[in-house]
């Protein structure tokens, strides 16, 4: 592998992680599921929950989002170790939001990832979510109501 290829792989994997957050924030369930290999897994041991395959992952994100009044996720770069057509890495996550039942949630977490190069680019083969800090103090803010036509798509 050339240095240029290693750089390109890292950029593509970072883009994949960015797409995950964007698809989730935009409620684009089909795109969210497409970021995983067909046999990929999304695991959240603290709940506990495990979703395997694009169909289960798509259904899970849609179902989970139905519980949120609002939700914000920010992902920060972590590590990436590339070994040919597979890779492993970690992404650092900050999330907050309020559930429809009125409870609040603020956390700092990690995603422990495994990736595979596919004909359509890098995909997740596994994302395991690890909460490192959790605060359930009620959030004082709220999500502003948007005016139709005021939000632009990229």
N, C-alpha and C. Protein backbone atom coordinates (compact mmCIF):
# COMPACT_ATOMS: atom_id res chain seq x y z
N UNK A 1 0.85 -1.18 0.00
CA UNK A 1 0.00 0.00 0.00
C UNK A 1 0.90 1.24 0.00
N UNK A 2 0.59 2.19 -0.86
CA UNK A 2 1.36 3.43 -0.92
C UNK A 2 0.90 4.37 0.18
N UNK A 3 1.73 5.38 0.44
CA UNK A 3 1.36 6.38 1.43
C UNK A 3 0.08 7.10 1.01
N UNK A 4 -0.06 7.33 -0.30
CA UNK A 4 -1.27 8.00 -0.81
C UNK A 4 -2.49 7.13 -0.53
N UNK A 5 -2.38 5.81 -0.72
CA UNK A 5 -3.50 4.91 -0.46
C UNK A 5 -3.87 4.92 1.02
N UNK A 6 -2.88 4.93 1.90
CA UNK A 6 -3.14 4.96 3.34
C UNK A 6 -3.86 6.25 3.73
N UNK A 7 -3.45 7.35 3.14
CA UNK A 7 -4.12 8.63 3.41
C UNK A 7 -5.55 8.59 2.90
N UNK A 8 -5.73 8.08 1.68
CA UNK A 8 -7.08 7.99 1.10
C UNK A 8 -7.97 7.10 1.96
N UNK A 9 -7.44 5.97 2.45
CA UNK A 9 -8.23 5.08 3.30
C UNK A 9 -8.66 5.79 4.58
N UNK A 10 -7.76 6.51 5.19
CA UNK A 10 -8.09 7.24 6.43
C UNK A 10 -9.17 8.30 6.17
N UNK A 11 -9.04 9.01 5.09
CA UNK A 11 -10.04 10.04 4.75
C UNK A 11 -11.39 9.38 4.52
N UNK A 12 -11.42 8.25 3.80
CA UNK A 12 -12.68 7.56 3.54
C UNK A 12 -13.31 7.02 4.83
N UNK A 13 -12.51 6.51 5.73
CA UNK A 13 -13.05 6.00 7.00
C UNK A 13 -13.58 7.15 7.85
N UNK A 14 -12.87 8.27 7.89
CA UNK A 14 -13.39 9.43 8.62
C UNK A 14 -14.69 9.91 8.00
N UNK A 15 -14.78 9.89 6.67
CA UNK A 15 -16.02 10.28 5.99
C UNK A 15 -17.15 9.32 6.35
N UNK A 16 -16.85 8.03 6.44
CA UNK A 16 -17.85 7.03 6.84
C UNK A 16 -18.39 7.36 8.22
N UNK A 17 -17.49 7.67 9.16
CA UNK A 17 -17.93 8.01 10.52
C UNK A 17 -18.76 9.29 10.53
N UNK A 18 -18.40 10.25 9.68
CA UNK A 18 -19.19 11.47 9.56
C UNK A 18 -20.57 11.20 8.97
N UNK A 19 -20.63 10.33 7.98
CA UNK A 19 -21.92 9.95 7.38
C UNK A 19 -22.84 9.30 8.41
N UNK A 20 -22.28 8.48 9.29
CA UNK A 20 -23.06 7.81 10.34
C UNK A 20 -23.77 8.86 11.20
N UNK A 21 -23.02 9.85 11.66
CA UNK A 21 -23.61 10.90 12.50
C UNK A 21 -24.63 11.71 11.71
N UNK A 22 -24.28 12.09 10.48
CA UNK A 22 -25.20 12.90 9.68
C UNK A 22 -26.48 12.14 9.36
N UNK A 23 -26.35 10.88 8.97
CA UNK A 23 -27.55 10.09 8.65
C UNK A 23 -28.45 9.96 9.88
N UNK A 24 -27.85 9.76 11.04
CA UNK A 24 -28.64 9.68 12.28
C UNK A 24 -29.31 11.00 12.61
N UNK A 25 -28.57 12.09 12.52
CA UNK A 25 -29.13 13.40 12.86
C UNK A 25 -30.22 13.82 11.87
N UNK A 26 -30.10 13.39 10.61
CA UNK A 26 -31.07 13.76 9.59
C UNK A 26 -32.21 12.76 9.45
N UNK A 27 -32.21 11.74 10.31
CA UNK A 27 -33.24 10.68 10.28
C UNK A 27 -33.30 9.99 8.92
N UNK A 28 -32.15 9.82 8.31
CA UNK A 28 -32.06 9.13 7.02
C UNK A 28 -31.74 7.66 7.31
N UNK A 29 -32.78 6.90 7.63
CA UNK A 29 -32.63 5.52 8.10
C UNK A 29 -32.01 4.60 7.05
N UNK A 30 -32.38 4.79 5.79
CA UNK A 30 -31.82 3.94 4.73
C UNK A 30 -30.32 4.19 4.59
N UNK A 31 -29.91 5.45 4.57
CA UNK A 31 -28.49 5.77 4.45
C UNK A 31 -27.74 5.25 5.67
N UNK A 32 -28.31 5.42 6.85
CA UNK A 32 -27.69 4.94 8.09
C UNK A 32 -27.37 3.45 7.97
N UNK A 33 -28.35 2.66 7.58
CA UNK A 33 -28.15 1.21 7.46
C UNK A 33 -27.16 0.86 6.36
N UNK A 34 -27.12 1.64 5.28
CA UNK A 34 -26.24 1.34 4.16
C UNK A 34 -24.76 1.52 4.51
N UNK A 35 -24.47 2.14 5.62
CA UNK A 35 -23.08 2.36 6.03
C UNK A 35 -22.45 1.10 6.62
N UNK A 36 -23.26 0.08 6.86
CA UNK A 36 -22.79 -1.19 7.40
C UNK A 36 -22.71 -2.22 6.28
N UNK A 37 -21.82 -3.21 6.44
CA UNK A 37 -21.82 -4.34 5.52
C UNK A 37 -23.15 -5.08 5.72
N UNK A 38 -23.51 -5.95 4.79
CA UNK A 38 -24.79 -6.67 4.90
C UNK A 38 -24.89 -7.45 6.20
N UNK A 39 -23.76 -7.96 6.70
CA UNK A 39 -23.75 -8.72 7.95
C UNK A 39 -23.21 -7.90 9.13
N UNK A 40 -23.13 -6.58 8.95
CA UNK A 40 -22.58 -5.71 9.99
C UNK A 40 -23.42 -5.72 11.26
N UNK A 41 -22.79 -5.30 12.36
CA UNK A 41 -23.46 -5.29 13.67
C UNK A 41 -23.27 -3.95 14.35
N UNK A 42 -24.33 -3.51 15.02
CA UNK A 42 -24.32 -2.29 15.83
C UNK A 42 -24.69 -2.74 17.23
N UNK A 43 -23.77 -2.56 18.18
CA UNK A 43 -23.97 -3.07 19.54
C UNK A 43 -23.90 -1.94 20.56
N UNK A 44 -24.82 -2.00 21.53
CA UNK A 44 -24.84 -1.06 22.64
C UNK A 44 -25.00 -1.87 23.93
N UNK A 45 -23.89 -2.38 24.46
CA UNK A 45 -23.95 -3.28 25.62
C UNK A 45 -24.61 -2.66 26.86
N UNK A 46 -24.56 -1.35 27.03
CA UNK A 46 -25.13 -0.71 28.22
C UNK A 46 -26.65 -0.79 28.26
N UNK A 47 -27.32 -1.04 27.14
CA UNK A 47 -28.80 -1.06 27.12
C UNK A 47 -29.38 -2.38 27.62
N UNK A 48 -29.00 -3.55 27.30
CA UNK A 48 -28.16 -4.06 26.22
C UNK A 48 -28.97 -4.22 24.93
N UNK A 49 -28.30 -3.96 23.81
CA UNK A 49 -28.95 -4.12 22.51
C UNK A 49 -27.91 -4.50 21.46
N UNK A 50 -28.33 -5.31 20.52
CA UNK A 50 -27.47 -5.72 19.41
C UNK A 50 -28.34 -5.87 18.17
N UNK A 51 -27.89 -5.27 17.08
CA UNK A 51 -28.61 -5.31 15.82
C UNK A 51 -27.64 -5.80 14.75
N UNK A 52 -28.00 -6.86 14.07
CA UNK A 52 -27.12 -7.47 13.07
C UNK A 52 -27.82 -7.47 11.72
N UNK A 53 -27.12 -6.97 10.71
CA UNK A 53 -27.66 -6.89 9.37
C UNK A 53 -28.33 -5.54 9.13
N UNK A 54 -28.34 -5.13 7.89
CA UNK A 54 -28.88 -3.81 7.55
C UNK A 54 -30.35 -3.66 7.90
N UNK A 55 -31.14 -4.70 7.74
CA UNK A 55 -32.56 -4.61 8.07
C UNK A 55 -32.79 -4.33 9.53
N UNK A 56 -32.11 -5.07 10.41
CA UNK A 56 -32.24 -4.84 11.85
C UNK A 56 -31.71 -3.48 12.25
N UNK A 57 -30.60 -3.06 11.65
CA UNK A 57 -30.00 -1.76 11.98
C UNK A 57 -30.94 -0.64 11.58
N UNK A 58 -31.53 -0.74 10.39
CA UNK A 58 -32.46 0.29 9.94
C UNK A 58 -33.68 0.39 10.86
N UNK A 59 -34.25 -0.75 11.18
CA UNK A 59 -35.42 -0.77 12.08
C UNK A 59 -35.06 -0.22 13.45
N UNK A 60 -33.86 -0.53 13.92
CA UNK A 60 -33.44 -0.09 15.26
C UNK A 60 -33.28 1.42 15.32
N UNK A 61 -32.61 2.03 14.33
CA UNK A 61 -32.41 3.47 14.40
C UNK A 61 -33.74 4.20 14.30
N UNK A 62 -34.65 3.70 13.49
CA UNK A 62 -35.97 4.33 13.38
C UNK A 62 -36.72 4.22 14.71
N UNK A 63 -36.71 3.06 15.31
CA UNK A 63 -37.39 2.83 16.59
C UNK A 63 -36.76 3.66 17.71
N UNK A 64 -35.43 3.68 17.78
CA UNK A 64 -34.76 4.45 18.83
C UNK A 64 -35.04 5.94 18.70
N UNK A 65 -35.04 6.46 17.47
CA UNK A 65 -35.28 7.88 17.29
C UNK A 65 -36.69 8.30 17.64
N UNK A 66 -37.63 7.38 17.58
CA UNK A 66 -39.01 7.69 17.96
C UNK A 66 -39.12 8.07 19.44
N UNK A 67 -38.14 7.69 20.25
CA UNK A 67 -38.17 7.98 21.69
C UNK A 67 -37.63 9.37 22.03
N UNK A 68 -36.96 10.03 21.08
CA UNK A 68 -36.31 11.30 21.36
C UNK A 68 -37.17 12.49 20.95
N UNK A 69 -37.27 13.49 21.83
CA UNK A 69 -37.85 14.79 21.46
C UNK A 69 -36.82 15.51 20.58
N UNK A 70 -35.57 15.53 21.04
CA UNK A 70 -34.46 16.01 20.23
C UNK A 70 -33.19 15.30 20.67
N UNK A 71 -32.22 15.25 19.76
CA UNK A 71 -30.99 14.51 19.99
C UNK A 71 -29.88 15.14 19.17
N UNK A 72 -28.72 15.34 19.78
CA UNK A 72 -27.56 15.90 19.10
C UNK A 72 -26.36 15.00 19.37
N UNK A 73 -25.66 14.61 18.32
CA UNK A 73 -24.46 13.79 18.46
C UNK A 73 -23.31 14.48 17.74
N UNK A 74 -22.18 14.56 18.41
CA UNK A 74 -20.95 15.08 17.83
C UNK A 74 -19.88 14.01 17.95
N UNK A 75 -19.20 13.72 16.85
CA UNK A 75 -18.16 12.70 16.86
C UNK A 75 -16.81 13.36 16.59
N UNK A 76 -15.83 12.98 17.37
CA UNK A 76 -14.49 13.52 17.26
C UNK A 76 -13.54 12.42 16.80
N UNK A 77 -12.55 12.76 15.97
CA UNK A 77 -11.63 11.75 15.48
C UNK A 77 -10.94 10.99 16.62
N UNK A 78 -10.72 9.74 16.37
CA UNK A 78 -10.02 8.89 17.33
C UNK A 78 -8.85 8.22 16.64
N UNK A 79 -8.86 6.90 16.61
CA UNK A 79 -7.77 6.15 16.00
C UNK A 79 -8.27 5.35 14.82
N UNK A 80 -7.36 5.04 13.91
CA UNK A 80 -7.65 4.15 12.78
C UNK A 80 -6.39 3.33 12.55
N UNK A 81 -6.54 2.00 12.52
CA UNK A 81 -5.44 1.08 12.21
C UNK A 81 -5.87 0.25 11.00
N UNK A 82 -5.20 0.48 9.88
CA UNK A 82 -5.57 -0.18 8.63
C UNK A 82 -4.66 -1.38 8.40
N UNK A 83 -5.29 -2.50 8.05
CA UNK A 83 -4.57 -3.73 7.72
C UNK A 83 -5.15 -4.29 6.43
N UNK A 84 -4.64 -3.79 5.30
CA UNK A 84 -5.14 -4.25 4.01
C UNK A 84 -6.56 -3.76 3.76
N UNK A 85 -7.49 -4.71 3.59
CA UNK A 85 -8.88 -4.37 3.30
C UNK A 85 -9.76 -4.35 4.55
N UNK A 86 -9.14 -4.41 5.72
CA UNK A 86 -9.88 -4.28 6.98
C UNK A 86 -9.19 -3.21 7.83
N UNK A 87 -9.91 -2.72 8.80
CA UNK A 87 -9.36 -1.71 9.70
C UNK A 87 -10.12 -1.75 11.00
N UNK A 88 -9.53 -1.16 12.02
CA UNK A 88 -10.17 -1.03 13.34
C UNK A 88 -9.90 0.39 13.82
N UNK A 89 -10.78 0.88 14.66
CA UNK A 89 -10.58 2.23 15.17
C UNK A 89 -11.54 2.56 16.29
N UNK A 90 -11.35 3.77 16.80
CA UNK A 90 -12.22 4.31 17.84
C UNK A 90 -12.61 5.73 17.45
N UNK A 91 -13.84 6.10 17.76
CA UNK A 91 -14.32 7.47 17.60
C UNK A 91 -14.85 7.94 18.94
N UNK A 92 -14.59 9.20 19.27
CA UNK A 92 -15.03 9.78 20.54
C UNK A 92 -16.33 10.53 20.29
N UNK A 93 -17.32 10.31 21.17
CA UNK A 93 -18.67 10.79 20.93
C UNK A 93 -19.17 11.62 22.11
N UNK A 94 -19.84 12.73 21.80
CA UNK A 94 -20.58 13.51 22.79
C UNK A 94 -22.02 13.56 22.30
N UNK A 95 -22.97 13.26 23.18
CA UNK A 95 -24.39 13.27 22.82
C UNK A 95 -25.20 13.95 23.93
N UNK A 96 -26.26 14.59 23.52
CA UNK A 96 -27.25 15.06 24.49
C UNK A 96 -28.61 15.13 23.82
N UNK A 97 -29.63 15.07 24.65
CA UNK A 97 -30.97 15.18 24.12
C UNK A 97 -32.01 14.94 25.21
N UNK A 98 -33.25 15.12 24.81
CA UNK A 98 -34.36 14.87 25.74
C UNK A 98 -35.29 13.86 25.10
N UNK A 99 -35.68 12.90 25.91
CA UNK A 99 -36.60 11.85 25.47
C UNK A 99 -38.03 12.40 25.51
N UNK A 100 -38.92 11.75 24.79
CA UNK A 100 -40.32 12.18 24.78
C UNK A 100 -40.99 12.04 26.14
N UNK A 101 -40.43 11.18 27.02
CA UNK A 101 -40.98 11.04 28.37
C UNK A 101 -40.49 12.14 29.31
N UNK A 102 -39.67 13.09 28.80
CA UNK A 102 -39.18 14.21 29.59
C UNK A 102 -37.81 13.99 30.21
N UNK A 103 -37.29 12.78 30.19
CA UNK A 103 -35.96 12.53 30.75
C UNK A 103 -34.88 13.09 29.81
N UNK A 104 -33.75 13.45 30.41
CA UNK A 104 -32.64 14.02 29.64
C UNK A 104 -31.45 13.10 29.68
N UNK A 105 -30.53 13.36 28.75
CA UNK A 105 -29.40 12.46 28.57
C UNK A 105 -28.22 13.26 28.02
N UNK A 106 -27.10 13.23 28.72
CA UNK A 106 -25.85 13.80 28.24
C UNK A 106 -24.79 12.76 28.49
N UNK A 107 -24.01 12.43 27.47
CA UNK A 107 -22.95 11.45 27.70
C UNK A 107 -21.73 11.73 26.83
N UNK A 108 -20.63 11.14 27.28
CA UNK A 108 -19.38 11.09 26.53
C UNK A 108 -19.08 9.61 26.38
N UNK A 109 -18.82 9.19 25.14
CA UNK A 109 -18.73 7.77 24.84
C UNK A 109 -17.65 7.50 23.80
N UNK A 110 -17.46 6.23 23.54
CA UNK A 110 -16.57 5.78 22.48
C UNK A 110 -17.32 4.84 21.57
N UNK A 111 -17.00 4.87 20.29
CA UNK A 111 -17.39 3.81 19.38
C UNK A 111 -16.13 3.01 19.08
N UNK A 112 -16.18 1.72 19.33
CA UNK A 112 -15.11 0.80 18.97
C UNK A 112 -15.54 0.18 17.64
N UNK A 113 -14.78 0.46 16.59
CA UNK A 113 -15.20 0.12 15.24
C UNK A 113 -14.31 -0.92 14.57
N UNK A 114 -14.95 -1.66 13.65
CA UNK A 114 -14.25 -2.51 12.70
C UNK A 114 -14.83 -2.15 11.33
N UNK A 115 -13.94 -2.07 10.34
CA UNK A 115 -14.32 -1.64 9.00
C UNK A 115 -13.83 -2.66 7.98
N UNK A 116 -14.49 -2.65 6.81
CA UNK A 116 -14.06 -3.49 5.69
C UNK A 116 -14.19 -2.68 4.40
N UNK A 117 -13.17 -2.80 3.56
CA UNK A 117 -13.24 -2.18 2.23
C UNK A 117 -14.18 -3.03 1.37
N UNK A 118 -15.13 -2.41 0.72
CA UNK A 118 -16.07 -3.10 -0.16
C UNK A 118 -16.00 -2.44 -1.54
N UNK A 119 -16.62 -3.03 -2.55
CA UNK A 119 -16.63 -2.39 -3.87
C UNK A 119 -17.25 -0.98 -3.84
N UNK A 120 -18.11 -0.70 -2.85
CA UNK A 120 -18.72 0.63 -2.75
C UNK A 120 -18.08 1.49 -1.66
N UNK A 121 -16.86 1.12 -1.25
CA UNK A 121 -16.15 1.92 -0.26
C UNK A 121 -16.09 1.24 1.10
N UNK A 122 -15.48 1.92 2.05
CA UNK A 122 -15.36 1.38 3.41
C UNK A 122 -16.73 1.35 4.09
N UNK A 123 -17.00 0.27 4.83
CA UNK A 123 -18.26 0.09 5.57
C UNK A 123 -17.92 -0.39 6.99
N UNK A 124 -18.85 -0.17 7.88
CA UNK A 124 -18.72 -0.73 9.23
C UNK A 124 -19.05 -2.22 9.18
N UNK A 125 -18.21 -3.03 9.80
CA UNK A 125 -18.60 -4.42 10.05
C UNK A 125 -19.10 -4.55 11.48
N UNK A 126 -18.66 -3.61 12.33
CA UNK A 126 -19.12 -3.61 13.72
C UNK A 126 -18.89 -2.24 14.33
N UNK A 127 -19.89 -1.76 15.08
CA UNK A 127 -19.77 -0.57 15.92
C UNK A 127 -20.24 -0.97 17.30
N UNK A 128 -19.37 -0.83 18.29
CA UNK A 128 -19.73 -1.14 19.68
C UNK A 128 -19.64 0.15 20.46
N UNK A 129 -20.75 0.52 21.08
CA UNK A 129 -20.88 1.79 21.79
C UNK A 129 -20.56 1.59 23.27
N UNK A 130 -19.63 2.40 23.78
CA UNK A 130 -19.25 2.32 25.20
C UNK A 130 -19.44 3.68 25.85
N UNK A 131 -20.37 3.79 26.80
CA UNK A 131 -20.60 5.03 27.53
C UNK A 131 -19.52 5.16 28.60
N UNK A 132 -18.84 6.31 28.62
CA UNK A 132 -17.80 6.58 29.61
C UNK A 132 -18.28 7.54 30.69
N UNK A 133 -19.26 8.39 30.36
CA UNK A 133 -19.81 9.36 31.31
C UNK A 133 -21.27 9.56 30.96
N UNK A 134 -22.13 9.59 31.97
CA UNK A 134 -23.56 9.79 31.74
C UNK A 134 -24.10 10.76 32.78
N UNK A 135 -24.85 11.74 32.32
CA UNK A 135 -25.51 12.73 33.19
C UNK A 135 -26.97 12.78 32.77
N UNK A 136 -27.87 12.50 33.72
CA UNK A 136 -29.31 12.52 33.43
C UNK A 136 -29.99 13.75 34.06
N UNK A 137 -29.20 14.77 34.42
CA UNK A 137 -29.77 16.01 34.93
C UNK A 137 -30.65 16.62 33.84
N UNK A 138 -31.85 17.10 34.19
CA UNK A 138 -32.72 17.68 33.16
C UNK A 138 -32.03 18.81 32.39
N UNK A 139 -32.13 18.77 31.08
CA UNK A 139 -31.57 19.82 30.24
C UNK A 139 -32.50 21.03 30.29
N UNK A 140 -31.91 22.21 30.41
CA UNK A 140 -32.71 23.44 30.52
C UNK A 140 -33.19 23.94 29.16
N UNK A 141 -32.49 23.61 28.11
CA UNK A 141 -32.82 24.13 26.79
C UNK A 141 -33.90 23.33 26.09
N UNK A 142 -34.19 23.76 24.88
CA UNK A 142 -35.17 23.06 24.06
C UNK A 142 -34.76 23.18 22.60
N UNK A 143 -35.36 22.36 21.77
CA UNK A 143 -35.12 22.43 20.34
C UNK A 143 -36.01 23.51 19.75
N UNK A 144 -35.44 24.48 19.03
CA UNK A 144 -36.28 25.52 18.44
C UNK A 144 -37.16 24.93 17.34
N UNK A 145 -38.30 25.50 17.17
CA UNK A 145 -39.20 25.09 16.10
C UNK A 145 -38.68 25.70 14.80
N UNK A 146 -38.59 24.92 13.76
CA UNK A 146 -38.09 25.44 12.49
C UNK A 146 -39.23 25.97 11.64
N UNK A 147 -38.92 26.97 10.87
CA UNK A 147 -39.86 27.57 9.94
C UNK A 147 -39.72 26.79 8.62
N UNK A 148 -40.83 26.33 8.03
CA UNK A 148 -40.72 25.59 6.76
C UNK A 148 -39.88 26.36 5.74
N UNK A 149 -38.95 25.64 5.12
CA UNK A 149 -38.10 26.24 4.11
C UNK A 149 -36.86 26.92 4.67
N UNK A 150 -36.70 26.96 6.01
CA UNK A 150 -35.57 27.66 6.59
C UNK A 150 -34.30 26.82 6.70
N UNK A 151 -34.42 25.50 6.51
CA UNK A 151 -33.27 24.63 6.62
C UNK A 151 -32.89 24.16 5.23
N UNK A 152 -31.62 24.33 4.90
CA UNK A 152 -31.14 23.93 3.57
C UNK A 152 -30.42 22.60 3.67
N UNK A 153 -30.63 21.77 2.69
CA UNK A 153 -29.92 20.50 2.57
C UNK A 153 -28.62 20.76 1.84
N UNK A 154 -27.55 20.03 2.20
CA UNK A 154 -26.26 20.24 1.51
C UNK A 154 -26.32 19.76 0.06
